N, C-alpha and C. Protein backbone atom coordinates (compact mmCIF):
# COMPACT_ATOMS: atom_id res chain seq x y z
N MET A 1 0.85 -1.16 0.00
CA MET A 1 0.00 0.00 0.00
C MET A 1 0.90 1.23 0.00
N ARG A 2 0.57 2.17 -0.87
CA ARG A 2 1.31 3.43 -0.93
C ARG A 2 0.32 4.57 -0.87
N VAL A 3 0.75 5.66 -0.26
CA VAL A 3 -0.09 6.86 -0.16
C VAL A 3 0.72 8.02 -0.71
N GLY A 4 0.15 8.73 -1.67
CA GLY A 4 0.78 9.91 -2.25
C GLY A 4 -0.03 11.15 -1.93
N PHE A 5 0.64 12.28 -1.95
CA PHE A 5 -0.01 13.55 -1.64
C PHE A 5 0.32 14.54 -2.74
N THR A 6 -0.67 15.31 -3.15
CA THR A 6 -0.44 16.35 -4.13
C THR A 6 -1.22 17.59 -3.72
N VAL A 7 -0.56 18.73 -3.85
CA VAL A 7 -1.19 20.01 -3.53
C VAL A 7 -0.80 21.00 -4.61
N SER A 8 -1.77 21.53 -5.30
CA SER A 8 -1.54 22.44 -6.41
C SER A 8 -1.09 23.81 -5.92
N LYS A 9 -0.42 24.54 -6.79
CA LYS A 9 -0.02 25.91 -6.46
C LYS A 9 -1.23 26.83 -6.27
N LYS A 10 -2.38 26.41 -6.77
CA LYS A 10 -3.59 27.20 -6.58
C LYS A 10 -3.99 27.29 -5.12
N VAL A 11 -3.51 26.34 -4.31
CA VAL A 11 -3.85 26.32 -2.87
C VAL A 11 -3.22 27.51 -2.16
N GLY A 12 -2.04 27.89 -2.57
CA GLY A 12 -1.38 29.03 -1.93
C GLY A 12 0.12 28.97 -2.10
N ASN A 13 0.81 29.73 -1.27
CA ASN A 13 2.27 29.74 -1.36
C ASN A 13 2.83 28.44 -0.79
N SER A 14 4.15 28.29 -0.85
CA SER A 14 4.76 27.01 -0.46
C SER A 14 4.50 26.67 1.00
N ALA A 15 4.48 27.67 1.87
CA ALA A 15 4.22 27.39 3.29
C ALA A 15 2.81 26.82 3.49
N GLU A 16 1.83 27.37 2.78
CA GLU A 16 0.45 26.87 2.90
C GLU A 16 0.33 25.48 2.30
N ARG A 17 0.97 25.26 1.14
CA ARG A 17 0.91 23.93 0.52
C ARG A 17 1.56 22.89 1.41
N ASN A 18 2.69 23.22 2.03
CA ASN A 18 3.35 22.29 2.93
C ASN A 18 2.51 22.01 4.17
N ARG A 19 1.81 23.02 4.65
CA ARG A 19 0.94 22.81 5.81
C ARG A 19 -0.20 21.84 5.48
N VAL A 20 -0.79 22.01 4.30
CA VAL A 20 -1.85 21.09 3.85
C VAL A 20 -1.28 19.68 3.76
N ARG A 21 -0.11 19.54 3.15
CA ARG A 21 0.52 18.23 3.00
C ARG A 21 0.80 17.60 4.36
N ARG A 22 1.29 18.37 5.32
CA ARG A 22 1.57 17.84 6.66
C ARG A 22 0.28 17.38 7.34
N ARG A 23 -0.79 18.16 7.18
CA ARG A 23 -2.07 17.78 7.80
C ARG A 23 -2.59 16.48 7.19
N LEU A 24 -2.48 16.33 5.88
CA LEU A 24 -2.93 15.10 5.23
C LEU A 24 -2.09 13.90 5.66
N ARG A 25 -0.79 14.10 5.77
CA ARG A 25 0.07 12.99 6.24
C ARG A 25 -0.33 12.54 7.64
N GLU A 26 -0.65 13.50 8.50
CA GLU A 26 -1.03 13.16 9.87
C GLU A 26 -2.38 12.43 9.89
N VAL A 27 -3.29 12.82 9.02
CA VAL A 27 -4.58 12.12 8.93
C VAL A 27 -4.36 10.66 8.58
N VAL A 28 -3.48 10.40 7.61
CA VAL A 28 -3.21 9.02 7.21
C VAL A 28 -2.50 8.28 8.33
N ARG A 29 -1.55 8.94 9.00
CA ARG A 29 -0.81 8.29 10.08
C ARG A 29 -1.73 7.88 11.22
N LEU A 30 -2.73 8.71 11.54
CA LEU A 30 -3.64 8.43 12.65
C LEU A 30 -4.79 7.51 12.26
N ALA A 31 -4.97 7.30 10.96
CA ALA A 31 -6.09 6.46 10.51
C ALA A 31 -5.87 5.02 10.94
N PRO A 32 -6.94 4.33 11.35
CA PRO A 32 -6.78 2.91 11.66
C PRO A 32 -6.35 2.17 10.39
N PRO A 33 -5.49 1.17 10.54
CA PRO A 33 -4.96 0.50 9.34
C PRO A 33 -5.98 -0.33 8.58
N ALA A 34 -7.08 -0.68 9.20
CA ALA A 34 -8.07 -1.56 8.55
C ALA A 34 -8.62 -0.98 7.24
N PRO A 35 -9.01 0.31 7.17
CA PRO A 35 -9.58 0.80 5.91
C PRO A 35 -8.58 0.88 4.76
N LEU A 36 -7.28 1.00 5.08
CA LEU A 36 -6.27 1.05 4.03
C LEU A 36 -5.92 -0.38 3.64
N ARG A 37 -6.14 -0.72 2.39
CA ARG A 37 -5.96 -2.11 1.95
C ARG A 37 -4.63 -2.32 1.26
N GLN A 38 -4.03 -3.47 1.55
CA GLN A 38 -2.79 -3.84 0.88
C GLN A 38 -3.06 -4.00 -0.61
N GLY A 39 -2.08 -3.64 -1.41
CA GLY A 39 -2.22 -3.76 -2.86
C GLY A 39 -2.92 -2.58 -3.50
N HIS A 40 -3.29 -1.59 -2.71
CA HIS A 40 -3.93 -0.40 -3.23
C HIS A 40 -2.99 0.78 -3.09
N ASP A 41 -3.07 1.70 -4.03
CA ASP A 41 -2.34 2.96 -3.95
C ASP A 41 -3.36 4.06 -3.76
N TYR A 42 -3.05 5.00 -2.89
CA TYR A 42 -3.96 6.10 -2.59
C TYR A 42 -3.28 7.42 -2.90
N VAL A 43 -4.02 8.35 -3.48
CA VAL A 43 -3.50 9.69 -3.74
C VAL A 43 -4.48 10.68 -3.11
N LEU A 44 -3.98 11.47 -2.19
CA LEU A 44 -4.80 12.48 -1.54
C LEU A 44 -4.48 13.83 -2.18
N VAL A 45 -5.51 14.51 -2.64
CA VAL A 45 -5.36 15.81 -3.29
C VAL A 45 -5.73 16.87 -2.27
N GLY A 46 -4.76 17.69 -1.91
CA GLY A 46 -4.99 18.74 -0.92
C GLY A 46 -5.72 19.92 -1.52
N ARG A 47 -6.72 20.38 -0.84
CA ARG A 47 -7.48 21.56 -1.25
C ARG A 47 -7.29 22.66 -0.21
N ARG A 48 -7.60 23.87 -0.58
CA ARG A 48 -7.42 25.01 0.31
C ARG A 48 -8.23 24.86 1.60
N ALA A 49 -9.37 24.22 1.53
CA ALA A 49 -10.21 24.04 2.72
C ALA A 49 -9.49 23.25 3.81
N ALA A 50 -8.50 22.44 3.44
CA ALA A 50 -7.77 21.66 4.44
C ALA A 50 -6.98 22.55 5.40
N LEU A 51 -6.76 23.81 5.04
CA LEU A 51 -6.07 24.74 5.93
C LEU A 51 -6.95 25.18 7.09
N SER A 52 -8.23 25.32 6.84
CA SER A 52 -9.11 25.90 7.85
C SER A 52 -10.05 24.90 8.53
N LEU A 53 -10.23 23.72 7.94
CA LEU A 53 -11.12 22.74 8.56
C LEU A 53 -10.53 22.23 9.87
N PRO A 54 -11.38 21.97 10.86
CA PRO A 54 -10.89 21.34 12.09
C PRO A 54 -10.30 19.97 11.76
N PHE A 55 -9.26 19.60 12.48
CA PHE A 55 -8.56 18.35 12.18
C PHE A 55 -9.48 17.14 12.29
N GLU A 56 -10.39 17.16 13.26
CA GLU A 56 -11.33 16.04 13.43
C GLU A 56 -12.19 15.87 12.18
N ARG A 57 -12.54 16.97 11.54
CA ARG A 57 -13.35 16.93 10.32
C ARG A 57 -12.55 16.29 9.18
N LEU A 58 -11.25 16.61 9.09
CA LEU A 58 -10.41 15.98 8.08
C LEU A 58 -10.37 14.47 8.27
N ILE A 59 -10.26 14.04 9.51
CA ILE A 59 -10.23 12.60 9.80
C ILE A 59 -11.53 11.94 9.39
N GLU A 60 -12.66 12.58 9.71
CA GLU A 60 -13.97 12.04 9.33
C GLU A 60 -14.12 11.96 7.81
N ASP A 61 -13.72 13.02 7.12
CA ASP A 61 -13.82 13.04 5.66
C ASP A 61 -12.97 11.95 5.02
N PHE A 62 -11.78 11.74 5.57
CA PHE A 62 -10.90 10.70 5.04
C PHE A 62 -11.52 9.31 5.23
N ALA A 63 -12.06 9.06 6.41
CA ALA A 63 -12.70 7.77 6.68
C ALA A 63 -13.90 7.56 5.75
N ARG A 64 -14.68 8.60 5.54
CA ARG A 64 -15.85 8.51 4.66
C ARG A 64 -15.42 8.25 3.22
N ALA A 65 -14.37 8.92 2.78
CA ALA A 65 -13.88 8.73 1.41
C ALA A 65 -13.37 7.31 1.20
N LEU A 66 -12.65 6.77 2.18
CA LEU A 66 -12.16 5.39 2.06
C LEU A 66 -13.31 4.40 1.99
N SER A 67 -14.33 4.61 2.80
CA SER A 67 -15.46 3.68 2.77
C SER A 67 -16.18 3.75 1.43
N ARG A 68 -16.29 4.94 0.84
CA ARG A 68 -16.92 5.08 -0.47
C ARG A 68 -16.09 4.41 -1.56
N VAL A 69 -14.79 4.58 -1.49
CA VAL A 69 -13.91 4.00 -2.51
C VAL A 69 -14.00 2.48 -2.49
N HIS A 70 -13.95 1.90 -1.30
CA HIS A 70 -13.90 0.44 -1.20
C HIS A 70 -15.28 -0.22 -1.29
N SER A 71 -16.33 0.54 -1.08
CA SER A 71 -17.67 -0.06 -1.20
C SER A 71 -18.16 -0.05 -2.64
N GLY A 72 -17.54 0.77 -3.47
CA GLY A 72 -17.97 0.86 -4.86
C GLY A 72 -19.15 1.78 -5.05
N ASN A 73 -19.54 2.50 -3.99
CA ASN A 73 -20.67 3.41 -4.08
C ASN A 73 -20.24 4.85 -4.29
N GLY A 74 -18.98 5.07 -4.63
CA GLY A 74 -18.48 6.42 -4.85
C GLY A 74 -18.97 6.97 -6.16
N THR A 75 -18.56 8.17 -6.47
CA THR A 75 -18.93 8.78 -7.74
C THR A 75 -17.98 8.28 -8.80
N THR A 76 -18.41 7.27 -9.54
CA THR A 76 -17.55 6.64 -10.52
C THR A 76 -17.92 7.00 -11.94
N ARG A 77 -18.99 7.74 -12.16
CA ARG A 77 -19.41 8.21 -13.48
C ARG A 77 -19.49 7.09 -14.51
N GLY A 78 -20.23 6.06 -14.17
CA GLY A 78 -20.47 5.00 -15.13
C GLY A 78 -19.51 3.84 -15.07
N ALA A 79 -18.41 3.99 -14.38
CA ALA A 79 -17.46 2.88 -14.28
C ALA A 79 -17.90 1.94 -13.18
N GLY A 80 -17.42 0.74 -13.25
CA GLY A 80 -17.69 -0.20 -12.17
C GLY A 80 -18.59 -1.34 -12.55
N LYS A 81 -19.47 -1.70 -11.62
CA LYS A 81 -20.30 -2.88 -11.78
C LYS A 81 -21.18 -2.79 -13.03
N GLY A 82 -21.11 -3.83 -13.80
CA GLY A 82 -22.00 -3.94 -14.94
C GLY A 82 -21.52 -3.23 -16.19
N THR A 83 -20.48 -2.43 -16.12
CA THR A 83 -20.03 -1.69 -17.30
C THR A 83 -18.76 -2.27 -17.88
N GLY A 84 -18.09 -3.16 -17.13
CA GLY A 84 -16.84 -3.72 -17.61
C GLY A 84 -15.66 -2.80 -17.40
N GLN A 85 -15.90 -1.63 -16.81
CA GLN A 85 -14.82 -0.70 -16.53
C GLN A 85 -14.44 -0.78 -15.07
N PRO A 86 -13.15 -0.62 -14.76
CA PRO A 86 -12.74 -0.66 -13.36
C PRO A 86 -13.23 0.56 -12.60
N VAL A 87 -13.49 0.38 -11.31
CA VAL A 87 -13.88 1.49 -10.46
C VAL A 87 -12.61 2.23 -10.08
N SER A 88 -12.60 3.53 -10.28
CA SER A 88 -11.44 4.34 -9.95
C SER A 88 -11.75 5.26 -8.80
N ALA A 89 -10.78 5.43 -7.90
CA ALA A 89 -10.93 6.39 -6.80
C ALA A 89 -10.88 7.81 -7.33
N THR A 90 -10.36 7.98 -8.53
CA THR A 90 -10.30 9.28 -9.17
C THR A 90 -11.33 9.29 -10.27
N PRO A 91 -12.46 9.98 -10.06
CA PRO A 91 -13.55 9.92 -11.03
C PRO A 91 -13.17 10.35 -12.43
N ASN A 92 -12.25 11.29 -12.58
CA ASN A 92 -11.92 11.81 -13.92
C ASN A 92 -10.63 11.23 -14.45
N ALA A 93 -10.16 10.14 -13.90
CA ALA A 93 -8.89 9.56 -14.35
C ALA A 93 -8.99 9.14 -15.80
N GLY A 94 -8.05 9.60 -16.59
CA GLY A 94 -7.97 9.20 -17.98
C GLY A 94 -8.99 9.85 -18.88
N THR A 95 -9.61 10.94 -18.46
CA THR A 95 -10.59 11.62 -19.31
C THR A 95 -10.07 12.98 -19.68
N ARG A 96 -9.27 13.05 -20.71
CA ARG A 96 -8.73 14.35 -21.15
C ARG A 96 -9.37 14.75 -22.44
């Protein structure tokens, strides 16, 4: 299992982007290991809201996102069950 972090320059200057990245790393570090599955790669995209949200809210949002990804009930835009397409944690992956 691997976890990657990305924060766009649109979020702010380097200090703000690094703060978002540190907060996301801590969320993953504190997360119970059960929802993170072996053989899966995760990419967390930092948004500006991560600077001002209470840390407990970030933890809740992360847990909710993991449950949606692994249950197959996430926003997959037609991919997944019955379509022959794999379910992606990134809804717009490969759509350029």
